[in-house]
Amino acid sequence: MSFWKKLLGGGDDPQVATGQGPEESYKGFTIRASLLPAGSEFQLAGTIEKEIDGVLKRHDFVRADRFSSKEDAQQLTLVKGRQIIDEQGERIFS
């Protein structure tokens, strides 16, 4: 990307998710896949939410994995979200 595009705000920030993808409920949590463009690929990124004691808790995650297909990135984000929930449960909100 050119220096002028970055300077004048024309460049894309690779850490800004551009939209929401599919979501699913899993063990009382909601997992949402996000679209996170990384050059010509898509990076694995998503959100895990759960209401605890009337308060909606949220955990955002981004991993280094990149995919050429946005559908692959979104589906594997849901898989990774399930894995995070299985390993950490509600501790992800601490």
PDB file of N, CA and C in Angstrom:
ATOM      1  N   MET A   1       0.852  -1.177   0.000  1.00  0.00           N
ATOM      2  CA  MET A   1       0.000   0.000   0.000  1.00  0.00           C
ATOM      3  C   MET A   1       0.894   1.235   0.000  1.00  0.00           C
ATOM      4  N   SER A   2       0.483   2.254  -0.704  1.00  0.00           N
ATOM      5  CA  SER A   2       1.341   3.416  -0.841  1.00  0.00           C
ATOM      6  C   SER A   2       1.354   4.264   0.422  1.00  0.00           C
ATOM      7  N   PHE A   3       2.424   4.992   0.563  1.00  0.00           N
ATOM      8  CA  PHE A   3       2.584   5.905   1.689  1.00  0.00           C
ATOM      9  C   PHE A   3       1.450   6.918   1.748  1.00  0.00           C
ATOM     10  N   TRP A   4       1.038   7.454   0.604  1.00  0.00           N
ATOM     11  CA  TRP A   4       0.011   8.497   0.571  1.00  0.00           C
ATOM     12  C   TRP A   4      -1.353   7.963   0.990  1.00  0.00           C
ATOM     13  N   LYS A   5      -1.680   6.734   0.588  1.00  0.00           N
ATOM     14  CA  LYS A   5      -2.956   6.154   1.007  1.00  0.00           C
ATOM     15  C   LYS A   5      -3.016   6.013   2.521  1.00  0.00           C
ATOM     16  N   LYS A   6      -1.923   5.530   3.101  1.00  0.00           N
ATOM     17  CA  LYS A   6      -1.878   5.386   4.555  1.00  0.00           C
ATOM     18  C   LYS A   6      -1.982   6.741   5.241  1.00  0.00           C
ATOM     19  N   LEU A   7      -1.237   7.705   4.731  1.00  0.00           N
ATOM     20  CA  LEU A   7      -1.205   9.034   5.324  1.00  0.00           C
ATOM     21  C   LEU A   7      -2.560   9.722   5.248  1.00  0.00           C
ATOM     22  N   LEU A   8      -3.255   9.569   4.129  1.00  0.00           N
ATOM     23  CA  LEU A   8      -4.522  10.269   3.922  1.00  0.00           C
ATOM     24  C   LEU A   8      -5.743   9.438   4.321  1.00  0.00           C
ATOM     25  N   GLY A   9      -5.511   8.293   4.925  1.00  0.00           N
ATOM     26  CA  GLY A   9      -6.632   7.498   5.427  1.00  0.00           C
ATOM     27  C   GLY A   9      -7.251   6.572   4.408  1.00  0.00           C
ATOM     28  N   GLY A  10      -6.617   6.335   3.297  1.00  0.00           N
ATOM     29  CA  GLY A  10      -7.177   5.471   2.276  1.00  0.00           C
ATOM     30  C   GLY A  10      -6.853   4.004   2.468  1.00  0.00           C
ATOM     31  N   GLY A  11      -5.980   3.699   3.410  1.00  0.00           N
ATOM     32  CA  GLY A  11      -5.569   2.313   3.610  1.00  0.00           C
ATOM     33  C   GLY A  11      -6.515   1.569   4.524  1.00  0.00           C
ATOM     34  N   ASP A  12      -6.544   0.262   4.367  1.00  0.00           N
ATOM     35  CA  ASP A  12      -7.358  -0.578   5.230  1.00  0.00           C
ATOM     36  C   ASP A  12      -6.545  -0.980   6.439  1.00  0.00           C
ATOM     37  N   ASP A  13      -7.159  -0.924   7.609  1.00  0.00           N
ATOM     38  CA  ASP A  13      -6.522  -1.410   8.824  1.00  0.00           C
ATOM     39  C   ASP A  13      -6.806  -2.897   8.919  1.00  0.00           C
ATOM     40  N   PRO A  14      -5.793  -3.752   8.853  1.00  0.00           N
ATOM     41  CA  PRO A  14      -6.033  -5.188   8.846  1.00  0.00           C
ATOM     42  C   PRO A  14      -6.604  -5.710  10.161  1.00  0.00           C
ATOM     43  N   GLN A  15      -6.610  -4.938  11.227  1.00  0.00           N
ATOM     44  CA  GLN A  15      -7.132  -5.389  12.513  1.00  0.00           C
ATOM     45  C   GLN A  15      -8.581  -4.972  12.745  1.00  0.00           C
ATOM     46  N   VAL A  16      -9.224  -4.411  11.739  1.00  0.00           N
ATOM     47  CA  VAL A  16     -10.621  -3.999  11.868  1.00  0.00           C
ATOM     48  C   VAL A  16     -11.506  -4.983  11.120  1.00  0.00           C
ATOM     49  N   ALA A  17     -12.370  -5.669  11.850  1.00  0.00           N
ATOM     50  CA  ALA A  17     -13.291  -6.614  11.217  1.00  0.00           C
ATOM     51  C   ALA A  17     -14.304  -5.842  10.389  1.00  0.00           C
ATOM     52  N   THR A  18     -14.554  -6.304   9.171  1.00  0.00           N
ATOM     53  CA  THR A  18     -15.424  -5.564   8.262  1.00  0.00           C
ATOM     54  C   THR A  18     -16.872  -6.022   8.302  1.00  0.00           C
ATOM     55  N   GLY A  19     -17.161  -7.088   8.976  1.00  0.00           N
ATOM     56  CA  GLY A  19     -18.543  -7.538   9.013  1.00  0.00           C
ATOM     57  C   GLY A  19     -18.697  -8.824   9.784  1.00  0.00           C
ATOM     58  N   GLN A  20     -19.916  -9.146  10.064  1.00  0.00           N
ATOM     59  CA  GLN A  20     -20.214 -10.360  10.807  1.00  0.00           C
ATOM     60  C   GLN A  20     -20.556 -11.481   9.844  1.00  0.00           C
ATOM     61  N   GLY A  21     -20.105 -12.644  10.198  1.00  0.00           N
ATOM     62  CA  GLY A  21     -20.417 -13.835   9.429  1.00  0.00           C
ATOM     63  C   GLY A  21     -21.441 -14.666  10.177  1.00  0.00           C
ATOM     64  N   PRO A  22     -21.390 -15.968   9.994  1.00  0.00           N
ATOM     65  CA  PRO A  22     -22.356 -16.848  10.653  1.00  0.00           C
ATOM     66  C   PRO A  22     -22.154 -16.868  12.162  1.00  0.00           C
ATOM     67  N   GLU A  23     -23.192 -17.280  12.856  1.00  0.00           N
ATOM     68  CA  GLU A  23     -23.096 -17.429  14.299  1.00  0.00           C
ATOM     69  C   GLU A  23     -23.780 -18.725  14.703  1.00  0.00           C
ATOM     70  N   GLU A  24     -23.431 -19.205  15.897  1.00  0.00           N
ATOM     71  CA  GLU A  24     -24.073 -20.411  16.412  1.00  0.00           C
ATOM     72  C   GLU A  24     -24.094 -20.359  17.935  1.00  0.00           C
ATOM     73  N   SER A  25     -25.029 -21.083  18.513  1.00  0.00           N
ATOM     74  CA  SER A  25     -25.094 -21.255  19.955  1.00  0.00           C
ATOM     75  C   SER A  25     -24.391 -22.552  20.304  1.00  0.00           C
ATOM     76  N   TYR A  26     -23.612 -22.510  21.397  1.00  0.00           N
ATOM     77  CA  TYR A  26     -22.861 -23.686  21.816  1.00  0.00           C
ATOM     78  C   TYR A  26     -22.699 -23.647  23.325  1.00  0.00           C
ATOM     79  N   LYS A  27     -23.285 -24.612  24.012  1.00  0.00           N
ATOM     80  CA  LYS A  27     -23.188 -24.746  25.471  1.00  0.00           C
ATOM     81  C   LYS A  27     -23.564 -23.454  26.199  1.00  0.00           C
ATOM     82  N   GLY A  28     -24.570 -22.756  25.706  1.00  0.00           N
ATOM     83  CA  GLY A  28     -25.024 -21.524  26.349  1.00  0.00           C
ATOM     84  C   GLY A  28     -24.285 -20.274  25.913  1.00  0.00           C
ATOM     85  N   PHE A  29     -23.275 -20.403  25.074  1.00  0.00           N
ATOM     86  CA  PHE A  29     -22.513 -19.281  24.544  1.00  0.00           C
ATOM     87  C   PHE A  29     -22.980 -19.006  23.117  1.00  0.00           C
ATOM     88  N   THR A  30     -22.741 -17.803  22.636  1.00  0.00           N
ATOM     89  CA  THR A  30     -22.967 -17.472  21.235  1.00  0.00           C
ATOM     90  C   THR A  30     -21.616 -17.185  20.610  1.00  0.00           C
ATOM     91  N   ILE A  31     -21.325 -17.872  19.526  1.00  0.00           N
ATOM     92  CA  ILE A  31     -20.071 -17.674  18.788  1.00  0.00           C
ATOM     93  C   ILE A  31     -20.424 -16.972  17.487  1.00  0.00           C
ATOM     94  N   ARG A  32     -19.727 -15.869  17.187  1.00  0.00           N
ATOM     95  CA  ARG A  32     -19.932 -15.127  15.938  1.00  0.00           C
ATOM     96  C   ARG A  32     -18.610 -15.046  15.193  1.00  0.00           C
ATOM     97  N   ALA A  33     -18.635 -15.417  13.938  1.00  0.00           N
ATOM     98  CA  ALA A  33     -17.459 -15.271  13.080  1.00  0.00           C
ATOM     99  C   ALA A  33     -17.450 -13.867  12.495  1.00  0.00           C
ATOM    100  N   SER A  34     -16.273 -13.282  12.378  1.00  0.00           N
ATOM    101  CA  SER A  34     -16.112 -11.951  11.785  1.00  0.00           C
ATOM    102  C   SER A  34     -15.292 -12.058  10.514  1.00  0.00           C
ATOM    103  N   LEU A  35     -15.481 -11.117   9.613  1.00  0.00           N
ATOM    104  CA  LEU A  35     -14.637 -11.037   8.419  1.00  0.00           C
ATOM    105  C   LEU A  35     -13.475 -10.109   8.734  1.00  0.00           C
ATOM    106  N   LEU A  36     -12.276 -10.649   8.698  1.00  0.00           N
ATOM    107  CA  LEU A  36     -11.081  -9.855   8.960  1.00  0.00           C
ATOM    108  C   LEU A  36     -10.132 -10.018   7.774  1.00  0.00           C
ATOM    109  N   PRO A  37     -10.239  -9.109   6.791  1.00  0.00           N
ATOM    110  CA  PRO A  37      -9.367  -9.208   5.620  1.00  0.00           C
ATOM    111  C   PRO A  37      -7.904  -9.028   6.015  1.00  0.00           C
ATOM    112  N   ALA A  38      -7.042  -9.819   5.397  1.00  0.00           N
ATOM    113  CA  ALA A  38      -5.597  -9.725   5.603  1.00  0.00           C
ATOM    114  C   ALA A  38      -4.955  -9.849   4.225  1.00  0.00           C
ATOM    115  N   GLY A  39      -4.816  -8.727   3.563  1.00  0.00           N
ATOM    116  CA  GLY A  39      -4.341  -8.746   2.181  1.00  0.00           C
ATOM    117  C   GLY A  39      -5.386  -9.400   1.302  1.00  0.00           C
ATOM    118  N   SER A  40      -4.994 -10.426   0.562  1.00  0.00           N
ATOM    119  CA  SER A  40      -5.946 -11.129  -0.308  1.00  0.00           C
ATOM    120  C   SER A  40      -6.578 -12.324   0.401  1.00  0.00           C
ATOM    121  N   GLU A  41      -6.302 -12.475   1.689  1.00  0.00           N
ATOM    122  CA  GLU A  41      -6.837 -13.588   2.462  1.00  0.00           C
ATOM    123  C   GLU A  41      -7.740 -13.082   3.580  1.00  0.00           C
ATOM    124  N   PHE A  42      -8.263 -14.015   4.370  1.00  0.00           N
ATOM    125  CA  PHE A  42      -9.094 -13.684   5.525  1.00  0.00           C
ATOM    126  C   PHE A  42      -8.497 -14.344   6.756  1.00  0.00           C
ATOM    127  N   GLN A  43      -8.414 -13.573   7.831  1.00  0.00           N
ATOM    128  CA  GLN A  43      -7.831 -14.082   9.065  1.00  0.00           C
ATOM    129  C   GLN A  43      -8.934 -14.587   9.981  1.00  0.00           C
ATOM    130  N   LEU A  44      -8.611 -15.619  10.749  1.00  0.00           N
ATOM    131  CA  LEU A  44      -9.559 -16.213  11.686  1.00  0.00           C
ATOM    132  C   LEU A  44      -9.827 -15.213  12.810  1.00  0.00           C
ATOM    133  N   ALA A  45     -11.096 -14.785  12.958  1.00  0.00           N
ATOM    134  CA  ALA A  45     -11.465 -13.817  13.988  1.00  0.00           C
ATOM    135  C   ALA A  45     -12.923 -14.009  14.363  1.00  0.00           C
ATOM    136  N   GLY A  46     -13.219 -13.818  15.643  1.00  0.00           N
ATOM    137  CA  GLY A  46     -14.601 -13.983  16.072  1.00  0.00           C
ATOM    138  C   GLY A  46     -14.849 -13.440  17.465  1.00  0.00           C
ATOM    139  N   THR A  47     -16.070 -13.653  17.936  1.00  0.00           N
ATOM    140  CA  THR A  47     -16.520 -13.180  19.231  1.00  0.00           C
ATOM    141  C   THR A  47     -17.279 -14.301  19.925  1.00  0.00           C
ATOM    142  N   ILE A  48     -17.065 -14.403  21.220  1.00  0.00           N
ATOM    143  CA  ILE A  48     -17.828 -15.332  22.048  1.00  0.00           C
ATOM    144  C   ILE A  48     -18.568 -14.493  23.078  1.00  0.00           C
ATOM    145  N   GLU A  49     -19.880 -14.722  23.218  1.00  0.00           N
ATOM    146  CA  GLU A  49     -20.696 -13.965  24.170  1.00  0.00           C
ATOM    147  C   GLU A  49     -21.508 -14.916  25.041  1.00  0.00           C
ATOM    148  N   LYS A  50     -21.798 -14.450  26.259  1.00  0.00           N
ATOM    149  CA  LYS A  50     -22.688 -15.190  27.143  1.00  0.00           C
ATOM    150  C   LYS A  50     -23.231 -14.216  28.183  1.00  0.00           C
ATOM    151  N   GLU A  51     -24.513 -14.380  28.495  1.00  0.00           N
ATOM    152  CA  GLU A  51     -25.105 -13.565  29.546  1.00  0.00           C
ATOM    153  C   GLU A  51     -24.885 -14.277  30.877  1.00  0.00           C
ATOM    154  N   ILE A  52     -24.236 -13.576  31.799  1.00  0.00           N
ATOM    155  CA  ILE A  52     -23.938 -14.111  33.127  1.00  0.00           C
ATOM    156  C   ILE A  52     -24.476 -13.136  34.161  1.00  0.00           C
ATOM    157  N   ASP A  53     -25.376 -13.606  35.010  1.00  0.00           N
ATOM    158  CA  ASP A  53     -25.993 -12.774  36.049  1.00  0.00           C
ATOM    159  C   ASP A  53     -26.591 -11.494  35.465  1.00  0.00           C
ATOM    160  N   GLY A  54     -27.224 -11.614  34.312  1.00  0.00           N
ATOM    161  CA  GLY A  54     -27.893 -10.481  33.684  1.00  0.00           C
ATOM    162  C   GLY A  54     -26.976  -9.537  32.929  1.00  0.00           C
ATOM    163  N   VAL A  55     -25.696  -9.856  32.860  1.00  0.00           N
ATOM    164  CA  VAL A  55     -24.729  -8.995  32.164  1.00  0.00           C
ATOM    165  C   VAL A  55     -24.179  -9.760  30.969  1.00  0.00           C
ATOM    166  N   LEU A  56     -24.218  -9.137  29.793  1.00  0.00           N
ATOM    167  CA  LEU A  56     -23.686  -9.757  28.585  1.00  0.00           C
ATOM    168  C   LEU A  56     -22.172  -9.612  28.585  1.00  0.00           C
ATOM    169  N   LYS A  57     -21.472 -10.739  28.630  1.00  0.00           N
ATOM    170  CA  LYS A  57     -20.010 -10.761  28.600  1.00  0.00           C
ATOM    171  C   LYS A  57     -19.573 -11.075  27.180  1.00  0.00           C
ATOM    172  N   ARG A  58     -18.423 -10.508  26.778  1.00  0.00           N
ATOM    173  CA  ARG A  58     -17.951 -10.663  25.409  1.00  0.00           C
ATOM    174  C   ARG A  58     -16.446 -10.892  25.401  1.00  0.00           C
ATOM    175  N   HIS A  59     -16.015 -11.828  24.571  1.00  0.00           N
ATOM    176  CA  HIS A  59     -14.588 -12.106  24.384  1.00  0.00           C
ATOM    177  C   HIS A  59     -14.310 -12.123  22.876  1.00  0.00           C
ATOM    178  N   ASP A  60     -13.440 -11.231  22.423  1.00  0.00           N
ATOM    179  CA  ASP A  60     -13.034 -11.199  21.016  1.00  0.00           C
ATOM    180  C   ASP A  60     -11.744 -11.992  20.868  1.00  0.00           C
ATOM    181  N   PHE A  61     -11.628 -12.732  19.783  1.00  0.00           N
ATOM    182  CA  PHE A  61     -10.396 -13.470  19.531  1.00  0.00           C
ATOM    183  C   PHE A  61      -9.984 -13.356  18.074  1.00  0.00           C
ATOM    184  N   VAL A  62      -8.681 -13.300  17.868  1.00  0.00           N
ATOM    185  CA  VAL A  62      -8.078 -13.267  16.537  1.00  0.00           C
ATOM    186  C   VAL A  62      -6.914 -14.246  16.576  1.00  0.00           C
ATOM    187  N   ARG A  63      -6.811 -15.082  15.582  1.00  0.00           N
ATOM    188  CA  ARG A  63      -5.719 -16.046  15.492  1.00  0.00           C
ATOM    189  C   ARG A  63      -4.919 -15.772  14.222  1.00  0.00           C
ATOM    190  N   ALA A  64      -3.731 -16.320  14.165  1.00  0.00           N
ATOM    191  CA  ALA A  64      -2.834 -16.077  13.034  1.00  0.00           C
ATOM    192  C   ALA A  64      -3.254 -16.818  11.769  1.00  0.00           C
ATOM    193  N   ASP A  65      -4.149 -17.794  11.894  1.00  0.00           N
ATOM    194  CA  ASP A  65      -4.560 -18.596  10.739  1.00  0.00           C
ATOM    195  C   ASP A  65      -5.189 -17.719   9.658  1.00  0.00           C
ATOM    196  N   ARG A  66      -4.784 -17.950   8.408  1.00  0.00           N
ATOM    197  CA  ARG A  66      -5.333 -17.208   7.267  1.00  0.00           C
ATOM    198  C   ARG A  66      -5.840 -18.180   6.214  1.00  0.00           C
ATOM    199  N   PHE A  67      -6.894 -17.741   5.507  1.00  0.00           N
ATOM    200  CA  PHE A  67      -7.548 -18.593   4.519  1.00  0.00           C
ATOM    201  C   PHE A  67      -7.834 -17.787   3.257  1.00  0.00           C
ATOM    202  N   SER A  68      -7.790 -18.444   2.118  1.00  0.00           N
ATOM    203  CA  SER A  68      -8.090 -17.757   0.861  1.00  0.00           C
ATOM    204  C   SER A  68      -9.594 -17.589   0.677  1.00  0.00           C
ATOM    205  N   SER A  69     -10.378 -18.414   1.341  1.00  0.00           N
ATOM    206  CA  SER A  69     -11.835 -18.367   1.225  1.00  0.00           C
ATOM    207  C   SER A  69     -12.453 -17.792   2.499  1.00  0.00           C
ATOM    208  N   LYS A  70     -13.338 -16.814   2.353  1.00  0.00           N
ATOM    209  CA  LYS A  70     -13.980 -16.257   3.549  1.00  0.00           C
ATOM    210  C   LYS A  70     -14.878 -17.293   4.215  1.00  0.00           C
ATOM    211  N   GLU A  71     -15.483 -18.180   3.436  1.00  0.00           N
ATOM    212  CA  GLU A  71     -16.333 -19.222   4.010  1.00  0.00           C
ATOM    213  C   GLU A  71     -15.514 -20.172   4.886  1.00  0.00           C
ATOM    214  N   ASP A  72     -14.314 -20.539   4.421  1.00  0.00           N
ATOM    215  CA  ASP A  72     -13.439 -21.390   5.226  1.00  0.00           C
ATOM    216  C   ASP A  72     -13.041 -20.681   6.522  1.00  0.00           C
ATOM    217  N   ALA A  73     -12.674 -19.413   6.409  1.00  0.00           N
ATOM    218  CA  ALA A  73     -12.278 -18.649   7.596  1.00  0.00           C
ATOM    219  C   ALA A  73     -13.423 -18.578   8.602  1.00  0.00           C
ATOM    220  N   GLN A  74     -14.635 -18.342   8.119  1.00  0.00           N
ATOM    221  CA  GLN A  74     -15.782 -18.231   9.020  1.00  0.00           C
ATOM    222  C   GLN A  74     -16.121 -19.568   9.669  1.00  0.00           C
ATOM    223  N   GLN A  75     -16.123 -20.644   8.907  1.00  0.00           N
ATOM    224  CA  GLN A  75     -16.453 -21.953   9.469  1.00  0.00           C
ATOM    225  C   GLN A  75     -15.399 -22.402  10.487  1.00  0.00           C
ATOM    226  N   LEU A  76     -14.131 -22.166  10.190  1.00  0.00           N
ATOM    227  CA  LEU A  76     -13.093 -22.560  11.133  1.00  0.00           C
ATOM    228  C   LEU A  76     -13.049 -21.639  12.351  1.00  0.00           C
ATOM    229  N   THR A  77     -13.557 -20.415  12.216  1.00  0.00           N
ATOM    230  CA  THR A  77     -13.699 -19.545  13.381  1.00  0.00           C
ATOM    231  C   THR A  77     -14.704 -20.143  14.357  1.00  0.00           C
ATOM    232  N   LEU A  78     -15.807 -20.690  13.839  1.00  0.00           N
ATOM    233  CA  LEU A  78     -16.791 -21.334  14.710  1.00  0.00           C
ATOM    234  C   LEU A  78     -16.185 -22.554  15.404  1.00  0.00           C
ATOM    235  N   VAL A  79     -15.380 -23.317  14.679  1.00  0.00           N
ATOM    236  CA  VAL A  79     -14.697 -24.477  15.262  1.00  0.00           C
ATOM    237  C   VAL A  79     -13.761 -24.019  16.382  1.00  0.00           C
ATOM    238  N   LYS A  80     -12.983 -22.962  16.127  1.00  0.00           N
ATOM    239  CA  LYS A  80     -12.053 -22.446  17.131  1.00  0.00           C
ATOM    240  C   LYS A  80     -12.815 -21.908  18.334  1.00  0.00           C
ATOM    241  N   GLY A  81     -13.941 -21.263  18.110  1.00  0.00           N
ATOM    242  CA  GLY A  81     -14.766 -20.765  19.218  1.00  0.00           C
ATOM    243  C   GLY A  81     -15.236 -21.899  20.113  1.00  0.00           C
ATOM    244  N   ARG A  82     -15.668 -23.004  19.519  1.00  0.00           N
ATOM    245  CA  ARG A  82     -16.081 -24.169  20.308  1.00  0.00           C
ATOM    246  C   ARG A  82     -14.907 -24.715  21.119  1.00  0.00           C
ATOM    247  N   GLN A  83     -13.734 -24.743  20.493  1.00  0.00           N
ATOM    248  CA  GLN A  83     -12.545 -25.231  21.183  1.00  0.00           C
ATOM    249  C   GLN A  83     -12.200 -24.341  22.382  1.00  0.00           C
ATOM    250  N   ILE A  84     -12.274 -23.035  22.209  1.00  0.00           N
ATOM    251  CA  ILE A  84     -11.993 -22.097  23.298  1.00  0.00           C
ATOM    252  C   ILE A  84     -12.977 -22.315  24.447  1.00  0.00           C
ATOM    253  N   ILE A  85     -14.253 -22.481  24.120  1.00  0.00           N
ATOM    254  CA  ILE A  85     -15.280 -22.715  25.146  1.00  0.00           C
ATOM    255  C   ILE A  85     -15.016 -24.025  25.873  1.00  0.00           C
ATOM    256  N   ASP A  86     -14.692 -25.080  25.133  1.00  0.00           N
ATOM    257  CA  ASP A  86     -14.411 -26.377  25.755  1.00  0.00           C
ATOM    258  C   ASP A  86     -13.211 -26.302  26.697  1.00  0.00           C
ATOM    259  N   GLU A  87     -12.186 -25.551  26.315  1.00  0.00           N
ATOM    260  CA  GLU A  87     -10.967 -25.472  27.113  1.00  0.00           C
ATOM    261  C   GLU A  87     -11.083 -24.514  28.298  1.00  0.00           C
ATOM    262  N   GLN A  88     -11.790 -23.393  28.118  1.00  0.00           N
ATOM    263  CA  GLN A  88     -11.759 -22.343  29.133  1.00  0.00           C
ATOM    264  C   GLN A  88     -13.106 -22.039  29.771  1.00  0.00           C
ATOM    265  N   GLY A  89     -14.193 -22.350  29.102  1.00  0.00           N
ATOM    266  CA  GLY A  89     -15.511 -22.054  29.652  1.00  0.00           C
ATOM    267  C   GLY A  89     -15.658 -20.562  29.968  1.00  0.00           C
ATOM    268  N   GLU A  90     -16.291 -20.253  31.084  1.00  0.00           N
ATOM    269  CA  GLU A  90     -16.543 -18.857  31.456  1.00  0.00           C
ATOM    270  C   GLU A  90     -15.293 -18.109  31.883  1.00  0.00           C
ATOM    271  N   ARG A  91     -14.179 -18.812  32.080  1.00  0.00           N
ATOM    272  CA  ARG A  91     -12.924 -18.141  32.447  1.00  0.00           C
ATOM    273  C   ARG A  91     -12.440 -17.188  31.368  1.00  0.00           C
ATOM    274  N   ILE A  92     -12.923 -17.331  30.132  1.00  0.00           N
ATOM    275  CA  ILE A  92     -12.469 -16.414  29.063  1.00  0.00           C
ATOM    276  C   ILE A  92     -12.877 -14.982  29.354  1.00  0.00           C
ATOM    277  N   PHE A  93     -13.852 -14.789  30.238  1.00  0.00           N
ATOM    278  CA  PHE A  93     -14.327 -13.443  30.551  1.00  0.00           C
ATOM    279  C   PHE A  93     -13.602 -12.822  31.747  1.00  0.00           C
ATOM    280  N   SER A  94     -12.677 -13.561  32.347  1.00  0.00           N
ATOM    281  CA  SER A  94     -11.941 -13.047  33.536  1.00  0.00           C
ATOM    282  C   SER A  94     -10.820 -12.117  33.140  1.00  0.00           C
TER     283      SER A  94
END
